[in-house]
Amino acid sequence: MIFDYEGLDSDIERDRRWIIQRAEDAREYSQRLSYNVRATKARQRERGEWSQAAPYGLRTNRKTRKLSPDPKTWRFIAFMFRAVALGVSLR
């Protein structure tokens, strides 16, 4: 296998070792990043925090970071829930 950008060839012993080492480094980084993201997201869920904007119809309390209905848009959400509960098609 030839890596054109880096100029590496897997037939050359020195290049093969370099390719393997870099692949292992990338794998280790990916696993560590994945673990950290999952742990952070789990911690945020336990605390009721949101890392992005609140879902439509809700707002985030800046002090507690908890969600509550937004008076301006919640009526649309409630309307949709009532319509679905009554059997109205989602379309």
C-alpha atoms as a PDB file:
ATOM      1  CA  MET A   1       0.000   0.000   0.000  1.00  0.00           C
ATOM      2  CA  ILE A   2       1.345   3.400  -0.932  1.00  0.00           C
ATOM      3  CA  PHE A   3       0.435   6.607   0.868  1.00  0.00           C
ATOM      4  CA  ASP A   4       0.985   9.219  -1.801  1.00  0.00           C
ATOM      5  CA  TYR A   5       0.591  12.319   0.379  1.00  0.00           C
ATOM      6  CA  GLU A   6       3.152  11.188   2.961  1.00  0.00           C
ATOM      7  CA  GLY A   7       5.303   9.351   0.419  1.00  0.00           C
ATOM      8  CA  LEU A   8       5.127   6.105   2.396  1.00  0.00           C
ATOM      9  CA  ASP A   9       5.241   2.573   1.010  1.00  0.00           C
ATOM     10  CA  SER A  10       4.163  -0.439   3.098  1.00  0.00           C
ATOM     11  CA  ASP A  11       6.778  -2.595   1.330  1.00  0.00           C
ATOM     12  CA  ILE A  12       9.535  -0.584   3.015  1.00  0.00           C
ATOM     13  CA  GLU A  13      10.190  -1.809   6.589  1.00  0.00           C
ATOM     14  CA  ARG A  14      10.796   1.660   8.070  1.00  0.00           C
ATOM     15  CA  ASP A  15       7.648   3.080   6.447  1.00  0.00           C
ATOM     16  CA  ARG A  16       5.571   0.082   7.554  1.00  0.00           C
ATOM     17  CA  ARG A  17       6.557   0.638  11.198  1.00  0.00           C
ATOM     18  CA  TRP A  18       5.711   4.340  10.894  1.00  0.00           C
ATOM     19  CA  ILE A  19       2.310   3.547   9.324  1.00  0.00           C
ATOM     20  CA  ILE A  20       1.481   1.027  12.075  1.00  0.00           C
ATOM     21  CA  GLN A  21       2.536   3.423  14.847  1.00  0.00           C
ATOM     22  CA  ARG A  22       0.471   6.287  13.439  1.00  0.00           C
ATOM     23  CA  ALA A  23      -2.555   4.017  12.963  1.00  0.00           C
ATOM     24  CA  GLU A  24      -2.307   2.867  16.597  1.00  0.00           C
ATOM     25  CA  ASP A  25      -1.952   6.486  17.765  1.00  0.00           C
ATOM     26  CA  ALA A  26      -5.074   7.447  15.802  1.00  0.00           C
ATOM     27  CA  ARG A  27      -7.009   4.481  17.212  1.00  0.00           C
ATOM     28  CA  GLU A  28      -6.001   5.355  20.778  1.00  0.00           C
ATOM     29  CA  TYR A  29      -6.964   9.012  20.282  1.00  0.00           C
ATOM     30  CA  SER A  30     -10.326   8.030  18.820  1.00  0.00           C
ATOM     31  CA  GLN A  31     -11.117   5.722  21.740  1.00  0.00           C
ATOM     32  CA  ARG A  32     -10.100   8.353  24.308  1.00  0.00           C
ATOM     33  CA  LEU A  33     -12.152  11.050  22.564  1.00  0.00           C
ATOM     34  CA  SER A  34     -15.185   8.762  22.333  1.00  0.00           C
ATOM     35  CA  TYR A  35     -14.952   7.898  26.043  1.00  0.00           C
ATOM     36  CA  ASN A  36     -14.636  11.567  27.034  1.00  0.00           C
ATOM     37  CA  VAL A  37     -17.599  12.650  24.898  1.00  0.00           C
ATOM     38  CA  ARG A  38     -19.820   9.834  26.233  1.00  0.00           C
ATOM     39  CA  ALA A  39     -18.844  10.618  29.834  1.00  0.00           C
ATOM     40  CA  THR A  40     -19.500  14.338  29.382  1.00  0.00           C
ATOM     41  CA  LYS A  41     -22.872  13.762  27.724  1.00  0.00           C
ATOM     42  CA  ALA A  42     -23.901  11.332  30.484  1.00  0.00           C
ATOM     43  CA  ARG A  43     -22.914  13.872  33.153  1.00  0.00           C
ATOM     44  CA  GLN A  44     -24.893  16.595  31.358  1.00  0.00           C
ATOM     45  CA  ARG A  45     -27.969  14.357  31.113  1.00  0.00           C
ATOM     46  CA  GLU A  46     -27.770  13.527  34.835  1.00  0.00           C
ATOM     47  CA  ARG A  47     -27.669  17.242  35.661  1.00  0.00           C
ATOM     48  CA  GLY A  48     -30.439  18.088  33.186  1.00  0.00           C
ATOM     49  CA  GLU A  49     -28.099  20.289  31.171  1.00  0.00           C
ATOM     50  CA  TRP A  50     -28.198  20.965  27.463  1.00  0.00           C
ATOM     51  CA  SER A  51     -25.037  21.526  25.461  1.00  0.00           C
ATOM     52  CA  GLN A  52     -26.897  23.206  22.615  1.00  0.00           C
ATOM     53  CA  ALA A  53     -30.024  25.277  22.207  1.00  0.00           C
ATOM     54  CA  ALA A  54     -33.125  23.940  23.895  1.00  0.00           C
ATOM     55  CA  PRO A  55     -35.565  21.989  21.698  1.00  0.00           C
ATOM     56  CA  TYR A  56     -38.312  23.987  19.985  1.00  0.00           C
ATOM     57  CA  GLY A  57     -41.052  24.976  22.407  1.00  0.00           C
ATOM     58  CA  LEU A  58     -38.786  24.831  25.447  1.00  0.00           C
ATOM     59  CA  ARG A  59     -36.366  27.238  27.056  1.00  0.00           C
ATOM     60  CA  THR A  60     -33.448  26.766  29.417  1.00  0.00           C
ATOM     61  CA  ASN A  61     -33.331  28.397  32.833  1.00  0.00           C
ATOM     62  CA  ARG A  62     -29.903  30.065  32.882  1.00  0.00           C
ATOM     63  CA  LYS A  63     -29.365  29.425  36.599  1.00  0.00           C
ATOM     64  CA  THR A  64     -30.502  25.814  36.897  1.00  0.00           C
ATOM     65  CA  ARG A  65     -30.012  24.818  33.218  1.00  0.00           C
ATOM     66  CA  LYS A  66     -33.368  23.011  33.426  1.00  0.00           C
ATOM     67  CA  LEU A  67     -35.933  23.002  30.643  1.00  0.00           C
ATOM     68  CA  SER A  68     -39.361  24.566  30.903  1.00  0.00           C
ATOM     69  CA  PRO A  69     -42.089  25.411  28.361  1.00  0.00           C
ATOM     70  CA  ASP A  70     -41.541  28.622  26.406  1.00  0.00           C
ATOM     71  CA  PRO A  71     -44.804  30.641  26.605  1.00  0.00           C
ATOM     72  CA  LYS A  72     -44.326  31.989  23.064  1.00  0.00           C
ATOM     73  CA  THR A  73     -44.016  28.645  21.294  1.00  0.00           C
ATOM     74  CA  TRP A  74     -45.353  26.000  23.690  1.00  0.00           C
ATOM     75  CA  ARG A  75     -48.926  26.423  22.432  1.00  0.00           C
ATOM     76  CA  PHE A  76     -47.838  24.996  19.038  1.00  0.00           C
ATOM     77  CA  ILE A  77     -46.238  21.981  20.692  1.00  0.00           C
ATOM     78  CA  ALA A  78     -49.328  21.398  22.849  1.00  0.00           C
ATOM     79  CA  PHE A  79     -51.522  21.662  19.742  1.00  0.00           C
ATOM     80  CA  MET A  80     -49.455  19.008  17.953  1.00  0.00           C
ATOM     81  CA  PHE A  81     -49.575  16.649  20.947  1.00  0.00           C
ATOM     82  CA  ARG A  82     -53.349  17.050  21.253  1.00  0.00           C
ATOM     83  CA  ALA A  83     -53.822  16.435  17.529  1.00  0.00           C
ATOM     84  CA  VAL A  84     -51.733  13.245  17.605  1.00  0.00           C
ATOM     85  CA  ALA A  85     -53.553  12.052  20.727  1.00  0.00           C
ATOM     86  CA  LEU A  86     -56.848  12.518  18.872  1.00  0.00           C
ATOM     87  CA  GLY A  87     -55.551  10.397  15.989  1.00  0.00           C
ATOM     88  CA  VAL A  88     -54.815  13.170  13.488  1.00  0.00           C
ATOM     89  CA  SER A  89     -52.196  12.142  10.925  1.00  0.00           C
ATOM     90  CA  LEU A  90     -48.714  13.482  11.526  1.00  0.00           C
ATOM     91  CA  ARG A  91     -48.713  14.867   8.008  1.00  0.00           C
END
